[in-house]
Amino acid sequence: MEPIHIMELTCQELAERLKTNYGKGMHHAQALLREIIRHGNRDFHTADEFMRSPKLTRLLSRDLVLPEPEITRIVSEEGTVKFAMKLACGSEVESVVIPMRNHNTLCLSCQVGCRMGCRFCETGHMGFVRNLTPGEMAAQVFAARFIVKKNIKNIVFMGMGEPLDNFDAVRRAIVILSDQRGFDIARSHITVSTAGLVSGIDALGRSGLNVHLAVSLNASNDRIRESLMPVAFRHSMEDIRQALFRFPLGNRGLFLIGYVLIPGLNDSEEQALELAEYLKPLPVRVNVIPLNKTSAFNRETASDDDVHRFASYLEKQGVFVVKRWSRGSRLQAGCGQLGNADGASRVQDL
């Protein structure tokens, strides 16, 4: 009998497997997801539905693949928690739980390493190792909830890797994570970030997933962007803007634009005005993020005054700006820092 990987199935798909294999259906599928995915109870056989069906329980104990994420490291700073999960292949991926006012957001990884090679990004310096499966992405949510013990309401695909470079698996993960009878993460609380893969933006727009889209722009023109992000040689800023015009924004309201502020490179008033002009036709929120230091990009980070100043230039042009202060940078858990295991190991484990 083929194993049943519960982390890789929606409730409907699980019910179909149970019906085909054991003559059972939705009732037991919902019970499995309730116990395992909703409550973190891998001893599902203690639930009434399975105590009353001992034969089914024996068969499921043989065939069901339970979530058993191997967490190798957990570090914390001022409420921000980074954890590393070891994969079956031996590689590790890192995820970050970010505390918000009334809930927690999980910054989730979709690849080991990354092909994009952004100069300021630790993951980019790793190079690409492999894509994660939908089940490996879902396992990060399971680990955050039941090992790290944080209530996760929001998911941002902003960890290690480029989500639109692993689009099919990310799309599948979103379907699984948003199943109301399983992980129950509302799609309105899911954000997919990209370095600017135009074909991926178009594919996400056609998918009907209705999630938020974030674009890591980090520059006001192609010349600066090419110096920071190799993907800019493939997709110009105008290519990206045209893809955003095509994107069915719907009731999601606006695009999220990431702008890593690097003193002396992309932080002048002139560049702010150029960025505002570029964004003018689009409904956007610009997240201004001070540069986090990484092992291979030795530039000074932006001060609070730098962030306030640059944001004020944009706001005077009518741009909606949110200033994002770095969280977890000492843990190497900030934007662009994931993949630096040495940096994390210097911090006291929980």
C-alpha atoms as a PDB file:
ATOM      1  CA  MET A   1       0.000   0.000   0.000  1.00  0.00           C
ATOM      2  CA  GLU A   2       1.355   3.415  -0.944  1.00  0.00           C
ATOM      3  CA  PRO A   3       2.143   5.575   2.135  1.00  0.00           C
ATOM      4  CA  ILE A   4      -0.256   8.404   2.933  1.00  0.00           C
ATOM      5  CA  HIS A   5       1.681  11.637   3.487  1.00  0.00           C
ATOM      6  CA  ILE A   6      -0.827  13.640   5.503  1.00  0.00           C
ATOM      7  CA  MET A   7       1.157  16.889   5.177  1.00  0.00           C
ATOM      8  CA  GLU A   8       0.808  16.775   1.395  1.00  0.00           C
ATOM      9  CA  LEU A   9      -2.978  16.292   1.145  1.00  0.00           C
ATOM     10  CA  THR A  10      -6.073  18.425   1.460  1.00  0.00           C
ATOM     11  CA  CYS A  11      -8.984  17.077   3.455  1.00  0.00           C
ATOM     12  CA  GLN A  12     -10.866  16.105   0.294  1.00  0.00           C
ATOM     13  CA  GLU A  13      -7.845  14.274  -1.092  1.00  0.00           C
ATOM     14  CA  LEU A  14      -7.277  12.489   2.209  1.00  0.00           C
ATOM     15  CA  ALA A  15     -10.932  11.414   2.276  1.00  0.00           C
ATOM     16  CA  GLU A  16     -10.569   9.976  -1.225  1.00  0.00           C
ATOM     17  CA  ARG A  17      -7.471   8.026  -0.186  1.00  0.00           C
ATOM     18  CA  LEU A  18      -9.247   6.655   2.875  1.00  0.00           C
ATOM     19  CA  LYS A  19     -12.214   5.602   0.767  1.00  0.00           C
ATOM     20  CA  THR A  20     -10.064   3.898  -1.874  1.00  0.00           C
ATOM     21  CA  ASN A  21      -7.786   2.138   0.610  1.00  0.00           C
ATOM     22  CA  TYR A  22     -10.033   1.334   3.565  1.00  0.00           C
ATOM     23  CA  GLY A  23     -13.657   2.037   2.644  1.00  0.00           C
ATOM     24  CA  LYS A  24     -13.757   5.068   4.945  1.00  0.00           C
ATOM     25  CA  GLY A  25     -14.129   8.726   4.003  1.00  0.00           C
ATOM     26  CA  MET A  26     -14.641  12.315   5.061  1.00  0.00           C
ATOM     27  CA  HIS A  27     -15.554  11.603   8.683  1.00  0.00           C
ATOM     28  CA  HIS A  28     -12.209   9.963   9.404  1.00  0.00           C
ATOM     29  CA  ALA A  29     -10.278  12.370   7.190  1.00  0.00           C
ATOM     30  CA  GLN A  30     -11.568  15.309   9.209  1.00  0.00           C
ATOM     31  CA  ALA A  31     -10.741  13.482  12.439  1.00  0.00           C
ATOM     32  CA  LEU A  32      -7.169  12.836  11.298  1.00  0.00           C
ATOM     33  CA  LEU A  33      -6.608  16.445  10.323  1.00  0.00           C
ATOM     34  CA  ARG A  34      -8.214  17.678  13.526  1.00  0.00           C
ATOM     35  CA  GLU A  35      -5.966  15.548  15.710  1.00  0.00           C
ATOM     36  CA  ILE A  36      -2.706  15.791  13.795  1.00  0.00           C
ATOM     37  CA  ILE A  37      -2.725  19.103  11.928  1.00  0.00           C
ATOM     38  CA  ARG A  38      -5.004  21.206  14.141  1.00  0.00           C
ATOM     39  CA  HIS A  39      -4.016  19.818  17.562  1.00  0.00           C
ATOM     40  CA  GLY A  40      -0.534  18.464  16.881  1.00  0.00           C
ATOM     41  CA  ASN A  41      -1.570  15.069  18.292  1.00  0.00           C
ATOM     42  CA  ARG A  42       0.394  12.412  16.441  1.00  0.00           C
ATOM     43  CA  ASP A  43      -1.240   9.775  18.690  1.00  0.00           C
ATOM     44  CA  PHE A  44      -4.381  10.054  16.572  1.00  0.00           C
ATOM     45  CA  HIS A  45      -5.520   6.583  17.685  1.00  0.00           C
ATOM     46  CA  THR A  46      -6.568   8.093  21.046  1.00  0.00           C
ATOM     47  CA  ALA A  47      -9.424   9.967  19.340  1.00  0.00           C
ATOM     48  CA  ASP A  48     -12.888   8.430  19.611  1.00  0.00           C
ATOM     49  CA  GLU A  49     -13.245   7.950  15.845  1.00  0.00           C
ATOM     50  CA  PHE A  50     -10.236   5.619  15.808  1.00  0.00           C
ATOM     51  CA  MET A  51     -10.821   3.891  19.122  1.00  0.00           C
ATOM     52  CA  ARG A  52     -14.120   2.760  17.621  1.00  0.00           C
ATOM     53  CA  SER A  53     -12.361   1.511  14.452  1.00  0.00           C
ATOM     54  CA  PRO A  54      -9.428  -0.637  15.642  1.00  0.00           C
ATOM     55  CA  LYS A  55      -8.858  -2.281  12.254  1.00  0.00           C
ATOM     56  CA  LEU A  56      -8.648   1.106  10.491  1.00  0.00           C
ATOM     57  CA  THR A  57      -6.329   2.353  13.226  1.00  0.00           C
ATOM     58  CA  ARG A  58      -3.964  -0.588  12.722  1.00  0.00           C
ATOM     59  CA  LEU A  59      -3.856   0.000   8.977  1.00  0.00           C
ATOM     60  CA  LEU A  60      -3.341   3.740   9.351  1.00  0.00           C
ATOM     61  CA  SER A  61      -0.558   3.162  11.884  1.00  0.00           C
ATOM     62  CA  ARG A  62       1.155   1.175   9.146  1.00  0.00           C
ATOM     63  CA  ASP A  63       0.442   3.459   6.170  1.00  0.00           C
ATOM     64  CA  LEU A  64       0.173   7.014   7.507  1.00  0.00           C
ATOM     65  CA  VAL A  65       3.299   9.196   7.337  1.00  0.00           C
ATOM     66  CA  LEU A  66       3.109  11.526  10.339  1.00  0.00           C
ATOM     67  CA  PRO A  67       4.761  14.956  10.524  1.00  0.00           C
ATOM     68  CA  GLU A  68       8.063  14.597  12.356  1.00  0.00           C
ATOM     69  CA  PRO A  69      10.084  17.728  11.588  1.00  0.00           C
ATOM     70  CA  GLU A  70      13.616  17.491  12.965  1.00  0.00           C
ATOM     71  CA  ILE A  71      14.430  20.843  14.526  1.00  0.00           C
ATOM     72  CA  THR A  72      18.161  21.214  15.010  1.00  0.00           C
ATOM     73  CA  ARG A  73      18.319  24.735  16.417  1.00  0.00           C
ATOM     74  CA  ILE A  74      15.994  27.311  17.963  1.00  0.00           C
ATOM     75  CA  VAL A  75      17.205  30.800  18.841  1.00  0.00           C
ATOM     76  CA  SER A  76      15.252  33.811  20.058  1.00  0.00           C
ATOM     77  CA  GLU A  77      15.645  37.562  20.478  1.00  0.00           C
ATOM     78  CA  GLU A  78      12.964  39.945  21.749  1.00  0.00           C
ATOM     79  CA  GLY A  79      10.142  37.662  20.663  1.00  0.00           C
ATOM     80  CA  THR A  80      11.543  36.848  17.216  1.00  0.00           C
ATOM     81  CA  VAL A  81      12.341  33.136  16.911  1.00  0.00           C
ATOM     82  CA  LYS A  82      14.465  31.462  14.248  1.00  0.00           C
ATOM     83  CA  PHE A  83      14.520  27.701  13.902  1.00  0.00           C
ATOM     84  CA  ALA A  84      16.374  25.350  11.580  1.00  0.00           C
ATOM     85  CA  MET A  85      14.748  22.202  10.216  1.00  0.00           C
ATOM     86  CA  LYS A  86      16.809  19.281   8.957  1.00  0.00           C
ATOM     87  CA  LEU A  87      15.504  17.670   5.777  1.00  0.00           C
ATOM     88  CA  ALA A  88      15.685  14.016   4.789  1.00  0.00           C
ATOM     89  CA  CYS A  89      18.535  14.835   2.388  1.00  0.00           C
ATOM     90  CA  GLY A  90      20.608  16.234   5.240  1.00  0.00           C
ATOM     91  CA  SER A  91      20.273  19.912   4.269  1.00  0.00           C
ATOM     92  CA  GLU A  92      18.760  22.466   6.618  1.00  0.00           C
ATOM     93  CA  VAL A  93      16.321  25.303   6.030  1.00  0.00           C
ATOM     94  CA  GLU A  94      15.618  28.178   8.369  1.00  0.00           C
ATOM     95  CA  SER A  95      12.289  29.772   9.243  1.00  0.00           C
ATOM     96  CA  VAL A  96      11.475  32.807  11.362  1.00  0.00           C
ATOM     97  CA  VAL A  97       8.502  33.510  13.622  1.00  0.00           C
ATOM     98  CA  ILE A  98       7.867  37.248  13.791  1.00  0.00           C
ATOM     99  CA  PRO A  99       5.648  38.559  16.617  1.00  0.00           C
ATOM    100  CA  MET A 100       2.962  40.998  15.577  1.00  0.00           C
ATOM    101  CA  ARG A 101       0.541  42.927  17.768  1.00  0.00           C
ATOM    102  CA  ASN A 102      -2.094  40.195  18.133  1.00  0.00           C
ATOM    103  CA  HIS A 103      -0.613  37.210  16.307  1.00  0.00           C
ATOM    104  CA  ASN A 104       2.534  35.724  14.785  1.00  0.00           C
ATOM    105  CA  THR A 105       3.765  35.674  11.213  1.00  0.00           C
ATOM    106  CA  LEU A 106       5.879  32.792   9.895  1.00  0.00           C
ATOM    107  CA  CYS A 107       8.552  33.661   7.349  1.00  0.00           C
ATOM    108  CA  LEU A 108       8.675  30.387   5.439  1.00  0.00           C
ATOM    109  CA  SER A 109      11.384  28.957   3.164  1.00  0.00           C
ATOM    110  CA  CYS A 110      10.682  27.319  -0.198  1.00  0.00           C
ATOM    111  CA  GLN A 111      14.174  26.297  -1.361  1.00  0.00           C
ATOM    112  CA  VAL A 112      17.512  25.222   0.039  1.00  0.00           C
ATOM    113  CA  GLY A 113      19.624  28.110  -1.187  1.00  0.00           C
ATOM    114  CA  CYS A 114      18.520  30.323  -4.050  1.00  0.00           C
ATOM    115  CA  ARG A 115      19.316  30.907  -7.719  1.00  0.00           C
ATOM    116  CA  MET A 116      18.762  34.671  -7.648  1.00  0.00           C
ATOM    117  CA  GLY A 117      22.186  35.614  -6.243  1.00  0.00           C
ATOM    118  CA  CYS A 118      21.171  38.975  -4.768  1.00  0.00           C
ATOM    119  CA  ARG A 119      24.378  40.562  -3.477  1.00  0.00           C
ATOM    120  CA  PHE A 120      22.970  41.596  -0.094  1.00  0.00           C
ATOM    121  CA  CYS A 121      21.351  38.214   0.654  1.00  0.00           C
ATOM    122  CA  GLU A 122      23.015  35.406   2.616  1.00  0.00           C
ATOM    123  CA  THR A 123      20.798  32.771   1.010  1.00  0.00           C
ATOM    124  CA  GLY A 124      21.746  34.038  -2.433  1.00  0.00           C
ATOM    125  CA  HIS A 125      25.415  33.477  -1.622  1.00  0.00           C
ATOM    126  CA  MET A 126      24.671  29.822  -0.844  1.00  0.00           C
ATOM    127  CA  GLY A 127      23.692  29.173  -4.442  1.00  0.00           C
ATOM    128  CA  PHE A 128      20.845  26.846  -5.319  1.00  0.00           C
ATOM    129  CA  VAL A 129      20.741  23.372  -3.729  1.00  0.00           C
ATOM    130  CA  ARG A 130      17.184  22.150  -4.314  1.00  0.00           C
ATOM    131  CA  ASN A 131      13.489  22.980  -4.184  1.00  0.00           C
ATOM    132  CA  LEU A 132      11.397  22.118  -1.152  1.00  0.00           C
ATOM    133  CA  THR A 133       8.314  19.948  -1.528  1.00  0.00           C
ATOM    134  CA  PRO A 134       4.881  21.173  -0.448  1.00  0.00           C
ATOM    135  CA  GLY A 135       5.090  18.817   2.532  1.00  0.00           C
ATOM    136  CA  GLU A 136       8.422  20.318   3.609  1.00  0.00           C
ATOM    137  CA  MET A 137       6.912  23.783   3.475  1.00  0.00           C
ATOM    138  CA  ALA A 138       3.873  22.653   5.468  1.00  0.00           C
ATOM    139  CA  ALA A 139       6.206  21.009   7.997  1.00  0.00           C
ATOM    140  CA  GLN A 140       7.632  24.437   8.840  1.00  0.00           C
ATOM    141  CA  VAL A 141       4.158  25.591   9.872  1.00  0.00           C
ATOM    142  CA  PHE A 142       3.630  22.411  11.904  1.00  0.00           C
ATOM    143  CA  ALA A 143       6.994  22.928  13.625  1.00  0.00           C
ATOM    144  CA  ALA A 144       6.263  26.585  14.367  1.00  0.00           C
ATOM    145  CA  ARG A 145       2.947  25.688  15.966  1.00  0.00           C
ATOM    146  CA  PHE A 146       3.754  22.524  17.870  1.00  0.00           C
ATOM    147  CA  ILE A 147       7.519  22.530  18.489  1.00  0.00           C
ATOM    148  CA  VAL A 148       8.254  26.256  18.754  1.00  0.00           C
ATOM    149  CA  LYS A 149       4.710  26.599  20.164  1.00  0.00           C
ATOM    150  CA  LYS A 150       3.679  29.794  18.418  1.00  0.00           C
ATOM    151  CA  ASN A 151       0.208  30.537  17.109  1.00  0.00           C
ATOM    152  CA  ILE A 152       0.725  31.225  13.409  1.00  0.00           C
ATOM    153  CA  LYS A 153      -1.875  33.335  11.632  1.00  0.00           C
ATOM    154  CA  ASN A 154       0.110  34.821   8.729  1.00  0.00           C
ATOM    155  CA  ILE A 155       2.450  33.140   6.255  1.00  0.00           C
ATOM    156  CA  VAL A 156       4.989  35.044   4.173  1.00  0.00           C
ATOM    157  CA  PHE A 157       6.996  33.169   1.555  1.00  0.00           C
ATOM    158  CA  MET A 158      10.006  35.397   2.233  1.00  0.00           C
ATOM    159  CA  GLY A 159      12.483  32.944   3.742  1.00  0.00           C
ATOM    160  CA  MET A 160      15.169  31.020   1.903  1.00  0.00           C
ATOM    161  CA  GLY A 161      14.623  30.776  -1.846  1.00  0.00           C
ATOM    162  CA  GLU A 162      12.621  32.453  -4.599  1.00  0.00           C
ATOM    163  CA  PRO A 163       8.988  31.270  -4.375  1.00  0.00           C
ATOM    164  CA  LEU A 164       8.191  31.854  -8.050  1.00  0.00           C
ATOM    165  CA  ASP A 165      11.226  29.760  -9.020  1.00  0.00           C
ATOM    166  CA  ASN A 166       9.481  26.840  -7.269  1.00  0.00           C
ATOM    167  CA  PHE A 167       6.015  27.893  -8.308  1.00  0.00           C
ATOM    168  CA  ASP A 168       4.211  24.555  -8.656  1.00  0.00           C
ATOM    169  CA  ALA A 169       5.277  23.391  -5.196  1.00  0.00           C
ATOM    170  CA  VAL A 170       4.505  26.780  -3.619  1.00  0.00           C
ATOM    171  CA  ARG A 171       1.070  26.826  -5.250  1.00  0.00           C
ATOM    172  CA  ARG A 172       0.398  23.337  -3.916  1.00  0.00           C
ATOM    173  CA  ALA A 173       1.626  24.313  -0.445  1.00  0.00           C
ATOM    174  CA  ILE A 174      -0.761  27.282  -0.410  1.00  0.00           C
ATOM    175  CA  VAL A 175      -3.682  24.995  -1.275  1.00  0.00           C
ATOM    176  CA  ILE A 176      -2.746  22.646   1.585  1.00  0.00           C
ATOM    177  CA  LEU A 177      -2.057  25.388   4.138  1.00  0.00           C
ATOM    178  CA  SER A 178      -5.294  27.221   3.358  1.00  0.00           C
ATOM    179  CA  ASP A 179      -7.525  24.139   3.729  1.00  0.00           C
ATOM    180  CA  GLN A 180      -9.980  25.163   6.461  1.00  0.00           C
ATOM    181  CA  ARG A 181     -10.134  21.624   7.835  1.00  0.00           C
ATOM    182  CA  GLY A 182      -6.351  21.433   8.061  1.00  0.00           C
ATOM    183  CA  PHE A 183      -3.855  24.229   8.720  1.00  0.00           C
ATOM    184  CA  ASP A 184      -6.578  26.831   8.119  1.00  0.00           C
ATOM    185  CA  ILE A 185      -4.352  29.746   7.086  1.00  0.00           C
ATOM    186  CA  ALA A 186      -6.622  32.157   5.231  1.00  0.00           C
ATOM    187  CA  ARG A 187      -5.286  33.046   1.786  1.00  0.00           C
ATOM    188  CA  SER A 188      -5.844  36.680   2.647  1.00  0.00           C
ATOM    189  CA  HIS A 189      -3.120  36.108   5.271  1.00  0.00           C
ATOM    190  CA  ILE A 190      -0.606  34.612   2.835  1.00  0.00           C
ATOM    191  CA  THR A 191       1.988  36.656   0.950  1.00  0.00           C
ATOM    192  CA  VAL A 192       4.239  35.426  -1.848  1.00  0.00           C
ATOM    193  CA  SER A 193       7.397  37.471  -2.398  1.00  0.00           C
ATOM    194  CA  THR A 194       9.507  37.606  -5.539  1.00  0.00           C
ATOM    195  CA  ALA A 195      12.748  39.186  -6.674  1.00  0.00           C
ATOM    196  CA  GLY A 196      10.900  40.026  -9.891  1.00  0.00           C
ATOM    197  CA  LEU A 197      10.354  36.871 -11.968  1.00  0.00           C
ATOM    198  CA  VAL A 198       7.884  38.175 -14.523  1.00  0.00           C
ATOM    199  CA  SER A 199       6.726  34.774 -15.789  1.00  0.00           C
ATOM    200  CA  GLY A 200       6.097  33.734 -12.190  1.00  0.00           C
ATOM    201  CA  ILE A 201       4.104  36.882 -11.448  1.00  0.00           C
ATOM    202  CA  ASP A 202       1.939  36.106 -14.467  1.00  0.00           C
ATOM    203  CA  ALA A 203       1.545  32.469 -13.367  1.00  0.00           C
ATOM    204  CA  LEU A 204       0.534  33.530  -9.860  1.00  0.00           C
ATOM    205  CA  GLY A 205      -1.987  35.937 -11.345  1.00  0.00           C
ATOM    206  CA  ARG A 206      -3.523  33.152 -13.442  1.00  0.00           C
ATOM    207  CA  SER A 207      -3.585  30.677 -10.544  1.00  0.00           C
ATOM    208  CA  GLY A 208      -6.644  32.071  -8.811  1.00  0.00           C
ATOM    209  CA  LEU A 209      -4.971  31.652  -5.413  1.00  0.00           C
ATOM    210  CA  ASN A 210      -5.893  35.208  -4.354  1.00  0.00           C
ATOM    211  CA  VAL A 211      -2.870  35.737  -2.137  1.00  0.00           C
ATOM    212  CA  HIS A 212      -0.865  38.900  -1.627  1.00  0.00           C
ATOM    213  CA  LEU A 213       2.087  39.652  -3.892  1.00  0.00           C
ATOM    214  CA  ALA A 214       5.288  41.324  -2.702  1.00  0.00           C
ATOM    215  CA  VAL A 215       8.078  42.453  -5.000  1.00  0.00           C
ATOM    216  CA  SER A 216      11.611  42.988  -3.705  1.00  0.00           C
ATOM    217  CA  LEU A 217      12.552  46.040  -5.768  1.00  0.00           C
ATOM    218  CA  ASN A 218      15.399  47.700  -3.827  1.00  0.00           C
ATOM    219  CA  ALA A 219      16.219  50.281  -6.491  1.00  0.00           C
ATOM    220  CA  SER A 220      14.778  53.223  -8.341  1.00  0.00           C
ATOM    221  CA  ASN A 221      16.275  52.339 -11.739  1.00  0.00           C
ATOM    222  CA  ASP A 222      17.695  49.404 -13.658  1.00  0.00           C
ATOM    223  CA  ARG A 223      21.311  50.468 -13.290  1.00  0.00           C
ATOM    224  CA  ILE A 224      21.222  50.307  -9.501  1.00  0.00           C
ATOM    225  CA  ARG A 225      19.063  47.210  -9.482  1.00  0.00           C
ATOM    226  CA  GLU A 226      21.453  45.352 -11.801  1.00  0.00           C
ATOM    227  CA  SER A 227      24.303  46.120  -9.401  1.00  0.00           C
ATOM    228  CA  LEU A 228      22.372  44.440  -6.577  1.00  0.00           C
ATOM    229  CA  MET A 229      20.207  41.753  -8.169  1.00  0.00           C
ATOM    230  CA  PRO A 230      21.324  39.635 -11.144  1.00  0.00           C
ATOM    231  CA  VAL A 231      17.673  38.886 -11.965  1.00  0.00           C
ATOM    232  CA  ALA A 232      17.447  42.533 -13.107  1.00  0.00           C
ATOM    233  CA  PHE A 233      19.428  41.638 -16.234  1.00  0.00           C
ATOM    234  CA  ARG A 234      16.569  39.272 -17.204  1.00  0.00           C
ATOM    235  CA  HIS A 235      13.610  41.402 -16.152  1.00  0.00           C
ATOM    236  CA  SER A 236      13.765  45.184 -16.265  1.00  0.00           C
ATOM    237  CA  MET A 237      11.809  47.348 -13.865  1.00  0.00           C
ATOM    238  CA  GLU A 238       9.457  48.216 -16.704  1.00  0.00           C
ATOM    239  CA  ASP A 239       8.909  44.484 -17.347  1.00  0.00           C
ATOM    240  CA  ILE A 240       7.970  44.090 -13.686  1.00  0.00           C
ATOM    241  CA  ARG A 241       5.661  47.102 -13.748  1.00  0.00           C
ATOM    242  CA  GLN A 242       3.829  45.767 -16.808  1.00  0.00           C
ATOM    243  CA  ALA A 243       3.420  42.387 -15.045  1.00  0.00           C
ATOM    244  CA  LEU A 244       1.889  44.189 -12.060  1.00  0.00           C
ATOM    245  CA  PHE A 245      -0.522  46.012 -14.364  1.00  0.00           C
ATOM    246  CA  ARG A 246      -1.606  42.588 -15.696  1.00  0.00           C
ATOM    247  CA  PHE A 247      -1.927  41.046 -12.233  1.00  0.00           C
ATOM    248  CA  PRO A 248      -5.557  40.575 -11.049  1.00  0.00           C
ATOM    249  CA  LEU A 249      -5.230  42.453  -7.789  1.00  0.00           C
ATOM    250  CA  GLY A 250      -8.892  42.082  -6.809  1.00  0.00           C
ATOM    251  CA  ASN A 251      -9.797  42.767  -3.204  1.00  0.00           C
ATOM    252  CA  ARG A 252      -6.187  42.383  -2.024  1.00  0.00           C
ATOM    253  CA  GLY A 253      -5.977  46.117  -2.554  1.00  0.00           C
ATOM    254  CA  LEU A 254      -2.292  46.779  -3.194  1.00  0.00           C
ATOM    255  CA  PHE A 255       1.122  45.382  -3.976  1.00  0.00           C
ATOM    256  CA  LEU A 256       3.831  45.211  -1.349  1.00  0.00           C
ATOM    257  CA  ILE A 257       7.130  46.691  -2.500  1.00  0.00           C
ATOM    258  CA  GLY A 258      10.263  45.770  -0.568  1.00  0.00           C
ATOM    259  CA  TYR A 259      13.041  48.353  -0.517  1.00  0.00           C
ATOM    260  CA  VAL A 260      16.243  47.436   1.333  1.00  0.00           C
ATOM    261  CA  LEU A 261      17.823  50.784   2.175  1.00  0.00           C
ATOM    262  CA  ILE A 262      21.592  50.875   1.564  1.00  0.00           C
ATOM    263  CA  PRO A 263      23.338  54.138   2.502  1.00  0.00           C
ATOM    264  CA  GLY A 264      25.192  55.750  -0.368  1.00  0.00           C
ATOM    265  CA  LEU A 265      23.663  53.425  -2.933  1.00  0.00           C
ATOM    266  CA  ASN A 266      19.859  53.758  -3.098  1.00  0.00           C
ATOM    267  CA  ASP A 267      18.914  56.247  -0.370  1.00  0.00           C
ATOM    268  CA  SER A 268      19.088  59.721  -1.954  1.00  0.00           C
ATOM    269  CA  GLU A 269      16.211  62.129  -2.416  1.00  0.00           C
ATOM    270  CA  GLU A 270      16.673  61.898  -6.169  1.00  0.00           C
ATOM    271  CA  GLN A 271      16.280  58.118  -6.037  1.00  0.00           C
ATOM    272  CA  ALA A 272      13.201  58.434  -3.835  1.00  0.00           C
ATOM    273  CA  LEU A 273      11.589  60.769  -6.361  1.00  0.00           C
ATOM    274  CA  GLU A 274      12.506  58.388  -9.180  1.00  0.00           C
ATOM    275  CA  LEU A 275      10.980  55.481  -7.265  1.00  0.00           C
ATOM    276  CA  ALA A 276       7.804  57.446  -6.548  1.00  0.00           C
ATOM    277  CA  GLU A 277       7.428  58.256 -10.236  1.00  0.00           C
ATOM    278  CA  TYR A 278       7.894  54.597 -11.161  1.00  0.00           C
ATOM    279  CA  LEU A 279       5.265  53.479  -8.641  1.00  0.00           C
ATOM    280  CA  LYS A 280       2.785  56.304  -9.269  1.00  0.00           C
ATOM    281  CA  PRO A 281       0.336  54.337 -11.463  1.00  0.00           C
ATOM    282  CA  LEU A 282       0.300  51.311  -9.108  1.00  0.00           C
ATOM    283  CA  PRO A 283      -1.542  50.715  -5.811  1.00  0.00           C
ATOM    284  CA  VAL A 284       1.387  49.944  -3.515  1.00  0.00           C
ATOM    285  CA  ARG A 285       2.708  49.922   0.016  1.00  0.00           C
ATOM    286  CA  VAL A 286       6.463  50.413   0.186  1.00  0.00           C
ATOM    287  CA  ASN A 287       8.226  48.642   3.048  1.00  0.00           C
ATOM    288  CA  VAL A 288      11.498  50.461   3.699  1.00  0.00           C
ATOM    289  CA  ILE A 289      13.875  48.016   5.378  1.00  0.00           C
ATOM    290  CA  PRO A 290      17.360  48.901   6.656  1.00  0.00           C
ATOM    291  CA  LEU A 291      20.084  46.682   5.234  1.00  0.00           C
ATOM    292  CA  ASN A 292      21.028  43.717   7.406  1.00  0.00           C
ATOM    293  CA  LYS A 293      24.705  42.833   7.307  1.00  0.00           C
ATOM    294  CA  THR A 294      25.683  39.542   5.689  1.00  0.00           C
ATOM    295  CA  SER A 295      28.986  37.728   5.326  1.00  0.00           C
ATOM    296  CA  ALA A 296      29.612  38.776   1.714  1.00  0.00           C
ATOM    297  CA  PHE A 297      28.117  42.283   1.547  1.00  0.00           C
ATOM    298  CA  ASN A 298      30.165  44.572   3.713  1.00  0.00           C
ATOM    299  CA  ARG A 299      28.268  47.854   3.731  1.00  0.00           C
ATOM    300  CA  GLU A 300      26.958  49.898   6.624  1.00  0.00           C
ATOM    301  CA  THR A 301      23.331  49.436   7.551  1.00  0.00           C
ATOM    302  CA  ALA A 302      20.894  52.345   7.426  1.00  0.00           C
ATOM    303  CA  SER A 303      20.313  54.237  10.653  1.00  0.00           C
ATOM    304  CA  ASP A 304      16.853  55.075  11.993  1.00  0.00           C
ATOM    305  CA  ASP A 305      17.375  58.627  10.745  1.00  0.00           C
ATOM    306  CA  ASP A 306      18.212  57.299   7.264  1.00  0.00           C
ATOM    307  CA  VAL A 307      14.989  55.299   7.185  1.00  0.00           C
ATOM    308  CA  HIS A 308      12.874  58.235   8.406  1.00  0.00           C
ATOM    309  CA  ARG A 309      14.488  60.573   5.886  1.00  0.00           C
ATOM    310  CA  PHE A 310      14.020  58.317   2.867  1.00  0.00           C
ATOM    311  CA  ALA A 311      10.463  57.477   3.899  1.00  0.00           C
ATOM    312  CA  SER A 312       9.656  61.174   4.197  1.00  0.00           C
ATOM    313  CA  TYR A 313      10.787  61.783   0.606  1.00  0.00           C
ATOM    314  CA  LEU A 314       8.355  59.114  -0.590  1.00  0.00           C
ATOM    315  CA  GLU A 315       5.515  60.256   1.639  1.00  0.00           C
ATOM    316  CA  LYS A 316       5.776  63.784   0.255  1.00  0.00           C
ATOM    317  CA  GLN A 317       5.065  62.260  -3.162  1.00  0.00           C
ATOM    318  CA  GLY A 318       1.949  60.538  -1.828  1.00  0.00           C
ATOM    319  CA  VAL A 319       3.484  57.056  -1.511  1.00  0.00           C
ATOM    320  CA  PHE A 320       2.128  54.792   1.253  1.00  0.00           C
ATOM    321  CA  VAL A 321       5.230  53.850   3.277  1.00  0.00           C
ATOM    322  CA  VAL A 322       5.796  51.493   6.186  1.00  0.00           C
ATOM    323  CA  LYS A 323       9.133  51.653   7.992  1.00  0.00           C
ATOM    324  CA  ARG A 324      10.259  48.139   8.870  1.00  0.00           C
ATOM    325  CA  TRP A 325      12.788  48.022  11.683  1.00  0.00           C
ATOM    326  CA  SER A 326      15.064  45.018  11.627  1.00  0.00           C
ATOM    327  CA  ARG A 327      14.067  42.177  13.944  1.00  0.00           C
ATOM    328  CA  GLY A 328      16.328  39.315  14.863  1.00  0.00           C
ATOM    329  CA  SER A 329      19.401  40.645  13.079  1.00  0.00           C
ATOM    330  CA  ARG A 330      21.634  39.450  15.943  1.00  0.00           C
ATOM    331  CA  LEU A 331      20.280  35.955  15.258  1.00  0.00           C
ATOM    332  CA  GLN A 332      20.980  36.288  11.531  1.00  0.00           C
ATOM    333  CA  ALA A 333      17.193  36.092  11.240  1.00  0.00           C
ATOM    334  CA  GLY A 334      16.573  39.430   9.535  1.00  0.00           C
ATOM    335  CA  CYS A 335      15.687  40.083   5.916  1.00  0.00           C
ATOM    336  CA  GLY A 336      18.442  38.636   3.708  1.00  0.00           C
ATOM    337  CA  GLN A 337      20.273  36.830   6.523  1.00  0.00           C
ATOM    338  CA  LEU A 338      18.864  33.296   6.418  1.00  0.00           C
ATOM    339  CA  GLY A 339      21.329  30.547   5.672  1.00  0.00           C
ATOM    340  CA  ASN A 340      24.095  31.753   7.972  1.00  0.00           C
ATOM    341  CA  ALA A 341      24.153  28.869  10.450  1.00  0.00           C
ATOM    342  CA  ASP A 342      27.408  30.076  12.009  1.00  0.00           C
ATOM    343  CA  GLY A 343      25.808  33.372  12.956  1.00  0.00           C
ATOM    344  CA  ALA A 344      22.881  31.627  14.597  1.00  0.00           C
ATOM    345  CA  SER A 345      25.060  29.198  16.518  1.00  0.00           C
ATOM    346  CA  ARG A 346      26.704  32.063  18.397  1.00  0.00           C
ATOM    347  CA  VAL A 347      23.435  32.852  20.136  1.00  0.00           C
ATOM    348  CA  GLN A 348      22.230  31.041  23.242  1.00  0.00           C
ATOM    349  CA  ASP A 349      19.807  28.255  22.297  1.00  0.00           C
ATOM    350  CA  LEU A 350      16.445  28.196  24.014  1.00  0.00           C
END
